[in-house]
């Protein structure tokens, strides 16, 4: 355990941020999972809605600093690529 006041405060503030970031990260992961399931199912309408929701959730997470902006962009690109591949079939 930290002995210095500033270190104790940093622990408290990082715990608060961790709780706040957890909800954003969970929402993004859930949206991506839903999009992947829709892509595997192959229904075009559900797939496009789910991929758009996942892209939005990833963008929000990137803006809030929960994930890096390039990490979010890479995940979105992979989802879009998989959706386009499924749509062609």
C-alpha atoms as a PDB file:
ATOM      1  CA  UNK A   1       0.000   0.000   0.000  1.00  0.00           C
ATOM      2  CA  UNK A   2       1.185   3.492  -0.804  1.00  0.00           C
ATOM      3  CA  UNK A   3       2.358   5.772   2.017  1.00  0.00           C
ATOM      4  CA  UNK A   4       2.552   9.070   0.164  1.00  0.00           C
ATOM      5  CA  UNK A   5      -0.594  11.208  -0.093  1.00  0.00           C
ATOM      6  CA  UNK A   6      -0.257  11.819  -3.820  1.00  0.00           C
ATOM      7  CA  UNK A   7       0.192   8.084  -4.483  1.00  0.00           C
ATOM      8  CA  UNK A   8      -2.886   7.273  -2.411  1.00  0.00           C
ATOM      9  CA  UNK A   9      -4.873   9.859  -4.375  1.00  0.00           C
ATOM     10  CA  UNK A  10      -3.598   8.432  -7.698  1.00  0.00           C
ATOM     11  CA  UNK A  11      -4.789   4.972  -6.660  1.00  0.00           C
ATOM     12  CA  UNK A  12      -8.242   6.339  -5.829  1.00  0.00           C
ATOM     13  CA  UNK A  13      -8.502   8.307  -9.066  1.00  0.00           C
ATOM     14  CA  UNK A  14      -7.248   5.420 -11.213  1.00  0.00           C
ATOM     15  CA  UNK A  15      -9.844   3.147  -9.617  1.00  0.00           C
ATOM     16  CA  UNK A  16     -12.575   5.648 -10.483  1.00  0.00           C
ATOM     17  CA  UNK A  17     -11.354   5.808 -14.077  1.00  0.00           C
ATOM     18  CA  UNK A  18     -11.146   2.024 -14.296  1.00  0.00           C
ATOM     19  CA  UNK A  19     -14.800   1.696 -13.298  1.00  0.00           C
ATOM     20  CA  UNK A  20     -15.832   4.356 -15.816  1.00  0.00           C
ATOM     21  CA  UNK A  21     -13.750   2.821 -18.605  1.00  0.00           C
ATOM     22  CA  UNK A  22     -15.051  -0.682 -17.904  1.00  0.00           C
ATOM     23  CA  UNK A  23     -18.589   0.170 -19.029  1.00  0.00           C
ATOM     24  CA  UNK A  24     -17.359   1.706 -22.277  1.00  0.00           C
ATOM     25  CA  UNK A  25     -15.060  -1.251 -22.977  1.00  0.00           C
ATOM     26  CA  UNK A  26     -17.847  -3.738 -22.196  1.00  0.00           C
ATOM     27  CA  UNK A  27     -20.277  -1.961 -24.527  1.00  0.00           C
ATOM     28  CA  UNK A  28     -17.719  -1.958 -27.337  1.00  0.00           C
ATOM     29  CA  UNK A  29     -16.896  -5.637 -26.881  1.00  0.00           C
ATOM     30  CA  UNK A  30     -20.576  -6.557 -26.796  1.00  0.00           C
ATOM     31  CA  UNK A  31     -21.297  -4.604 -29.959  1.00  0.00           C
ATOM     32  CA  UNK A  32     -18.381  -6.253 -31.760  1.00  0.00           C
ATOM     33  CA  UNK A  33     -19.535  -9.693 -30.584  1.00  0.00           C
ATOM     34  CA  UNK A  34     -23.070  -8.993 -31.852  1.00  0.00           C
ATOM     35  CA  UNK A  35     -21.679  -7.822 -35.191  1.00  0.00           C
ATOM     36  CA  UNK A  36     -19.555 -10.954 -35.585  1.00  0.00           C
ATOM     37  CA  UNK A  37     -22.567 -13.144 -34.823  1.00  0.00           C
ATOM     38  CA  UNK A  38     -24.634 -11.242 -37.404  1.00  0.00           C
ATOM     39  CA  UNK A  39     -21.857 -11.643 -39.975  1.00  0.00           C
ATOM     40  CA  UNK A  40     -21.745 -15.392 -39.337  1.00  0.00           C
ATOM     41  CA  UNK A  41     -25.537 -15.598 -39.661  1.00  0.00           C
ATOM     42  CA  UNK A  42     -25.283 -13.826 -43.007  1.00  0.00           C
ATOM     43  CA  UNK A  43     -28.467 -11.731 -42.973  1.00  0.00           C
ATOM     44  CA  UNK A  44     -27.634  -8.473 -44.740  1.00  0.00           C
ATOM     45  CA  UNK A  45     -30.024  -6.164 -42.872  1.00  0.00           C
ATOM     46  CA  UNK A  46     -29.078  -7.344 -39.381  1.00  0.00           C
ATOM     47  CA  UNK A  47     -25.425  -7.433 -40.364  1.00  0.00           C
ATOM     48  CA  UNK A  48     -25.261  -3.814 -41.519  1.00  0.00           C
ATOM     49  CA  UNK A  49     -27.068  -2.526 -38.426  1.00  0.00           C
ATOM     50  CA  UNK A  50     -24.833  -4.531 -36.095  1.00  0.00           C
ATOM     51  CA  UNK A  51     -21.616  -3.496 -37.863  1.00  0.00           C
ATOM     52  CA  UNK A  52     -22.639   0.173 -37.740  1.00  0.00           C
ATOM     53  CA  UNK A  53     -23.427  -0.119 -34.020  1.00  0.00           C
ATOM     54  CA  UNK A  54     -20.068  -1.787 -33.387  1.00  0.00           C
ATOM     55  CA  UNK A  55     -18.231   0.921 -35.338  1.00  0.00           C
ATOM     56  CA  UNK A  56     -20.020   3.585 -33.317  1.00  0.00           C
ATOM     57  CA  UNK A  57     -19.177   1.881 -30.014  1.00  0.00           C
ATOM     58  CA  UNK A  58     -15.529   1.543 -31.014  1.00  0.00           C
ATOM     59  CA  UNK A  59     -15.381   5.207 -32.050  1.00  0.00           C
ATOM     60  CA  UNK A  60     -16.853   6.271 -28.704  1.00  0.00           C
ATOM     61  CA  UNK A  61     -14.320   4.133 -26.855  1.00  0.00           C
ATOM     62  CA  UNK A  62     -11.498   5.689 -28.873  1.00  0.00           C
ATOM     63  CA  UNK A  63     -12.698   9.237 -28.222  1.00  0.00           C
ATOM     64  CA  UNK A  64     -12.876   8.543 -24.484  1.00  0.00           C
ATOM     65  CA  UNK A  65      -9.392   7.070 -24.498  1.00  0.00           C
ATOM     66  CA  UNK A  66     -10.440   3.569 -23.499  1.00  0.00           C
ATOM     67  CA  UNK A  67      -8.856   2.073 -26.620  1.00  0.00           C
ATOM     68  CA  UNK A  68      -6.309   3.661 -28.914  1.00  0.00           C
ATOM     69  CA  UNK A  69      -7.733   5.282 -32.044  1.00  0.00           C
ATOM     70  CA  UNK A  70      -5.706   3.021 -34.328  1.00  0.00           C
ATOM     71  CA  UNK A  71      -6.819  -0.048 -32.405  1.00  0.00           C
ATOM     72  CA  UNK A  72     -10.437   1.012 -32.942  1.00  0.00           C
ATOM     73  CA  UNK A  73      -9.780   1.697 -36.625  1.00  0.00           C
ATOM     74  CA  UNK A  74      -8.177  -1.723 -37.079  1.00  0.00           C
ATOM     75  CA  UNK A  75     -11.103  -3.506 -35.422  1.00  0.00           C
ATOM     76  CA  UNK A  76     -13.608  -1.562 -37.527  1.00  0.00           C
ATOM     77  CA  UNK A  77     -11.696  -2.357 -40.708  1.00  0.00           C
ATOM     78  CA  UNK A  78     -11.686  -6.065 -39.916  1.00  0.00           C
ATOM     79  CA  UNK A  79     -15.421  -6.030 -39.211  1.00  0.00           C
ATOM     80  CA  UNK A  80     -16.176  -4.129 -42.418  1.00  0.00           C
ATOM     81  CA  UNK A  81     -13.977  -6.469 -44.434  1.00  0.00           C
ATOM     82  CA  UNK A  82     -15.717  -9.552 -43.007  1.00  0.00           C
ATOM     83  CA  UNK A  83     -19.141  -8.001 -43.625  1.00  0.00           C
ATOM     84  CA  UNK A  84     -18.249  -7.163 -47.230  1.00  0.00           C
ATOM     85  CA  UNK A  85     -16.950 -10.669 -47.797  1.00  0.00           C
ATOM     86  CA  UNK A  86     -20.162 -12.178 -46.427  1.00  0.00           C
ATOM     87  CA  UNK A  87     -22.331  -9.789 -48.462  1.00  0.00           C
ATOM     88  CA  UNK A  88     -20.656 -10.884 -51.705  1.00  0.00           C
ATOM     89  CA  UNK A  89     -21.665 -14.511 -51.202  1.00  0.00           C
END
